[in-house]
Amino acid sequence: MGWCAIALAIALGGCGRGPAGVGGSGTIEMDQVDVSSLVGGRISSMRVSEGDTVQVDDTLATLDRGEVVASLRAQAAEAARMQSLWRDQESGTRLSELRAAEAELDAAKSALEFAEAEFKRTEVLARDHVVAAAELDRARATRDSARARRDAAAEKVSMLSTGSRRYQIDAAREAALAAQARFAGAKSNSRELVLTAPISGVVLLRNAEAGEVVGPGVPLVTLGNPDRLWVRVYVAAPQIGKVRLGAPTEVRATGFGSRKFTGHVVEIASRAEFTPRAALTEDERANLVFGVKIALDPTGGALKPGLPADARILVSADGDRASR
């Protein structure tokens, strides 16, 4: 059947239902959700079969990927370590550390005093040619080494007395926050190993089996919401002006006789379909149709996707939205 005949049938269908409605035909559709993992892996178990009813957060499948679990443990340990370092920096110097550093400084001062006295005695003996020049060099090196140890010990006491610098504490805090962020990322990846239902509904497709290896983004299960049914019908151009968003509708589906299902218009196409390339005459304008999406009210599972359906959009005589 050509597009002219389809458009004519739609237009005649609307006229046959009386002036209080605009008619059209279509097929019942259902909102669907593909459930997949961001990380992929080997499927360890599939918990649902086609036709099963599931609720939000029910487990659909589990994946096995050892490196994701290992990364989570490593990041948890690293986050704990960096948190401890940050707290240690903020707590400042412990009294025991300061006392130990002061004791090291006292020992270094005593060693320096001895080394300086030894150097002076060796210097006198070397001047009188009692000892060789090499002995004087060794005494000088020992004195210089003791002086360096004294200076280092004094610097350590000064640093511990002052406490951690602000930028050191800030750096420790930022490192702890970065480690915590990496841990959160690893935890998020680990949650992708357990696929749960994002909506309540029915399992339409089971796309994989236990033991298979699937990549990231590959749908394992397809869910449908039986309470989110809709039908798209096509309305002839001369009648589209009567249709308003939110307009109530009556839908009859194949197999249900004269039973009517209610709904409302949720979408009206902004462009016509089956448009000829040539300039339109007045008669050709009647062949243009616009897609109209009708959301059905919950049917309690009565209607099924794929059923042919006829819809009547209720309008008032002047084209305004009709009241229910």
Foldseek 3Di string as FASTA:
>chain_A
DDLLVQLVVQQVVQVVVPLQWRKFKWFKDFDKDFFFFQAFAAWAAADDDFFDWDAFFAWGTFHDDVVLVVLLVVLVVQLVVLVVVLVVQVVAADPVVLVVLVVQLVVLVVQLVVLVVVLVVVVVCVVVVNDDVVVNVVSVVSNVVSVVSNVVSVVVSVDRVVTHDPVVSVVSVVSSVVSVVSSVVSVVNNCSRTITDNHTFGWRDQQDGHRDTDGGPDGRTMGTHLQWMKTKTKGFPVQPLLADFFAKKWKDWPPPPPDTFIWTWHDKAPDWPPDDPDDDDPVVSRSTIIIIMTTTGRPVNPDDGGIMMMMIGGGDNVSHGDDD
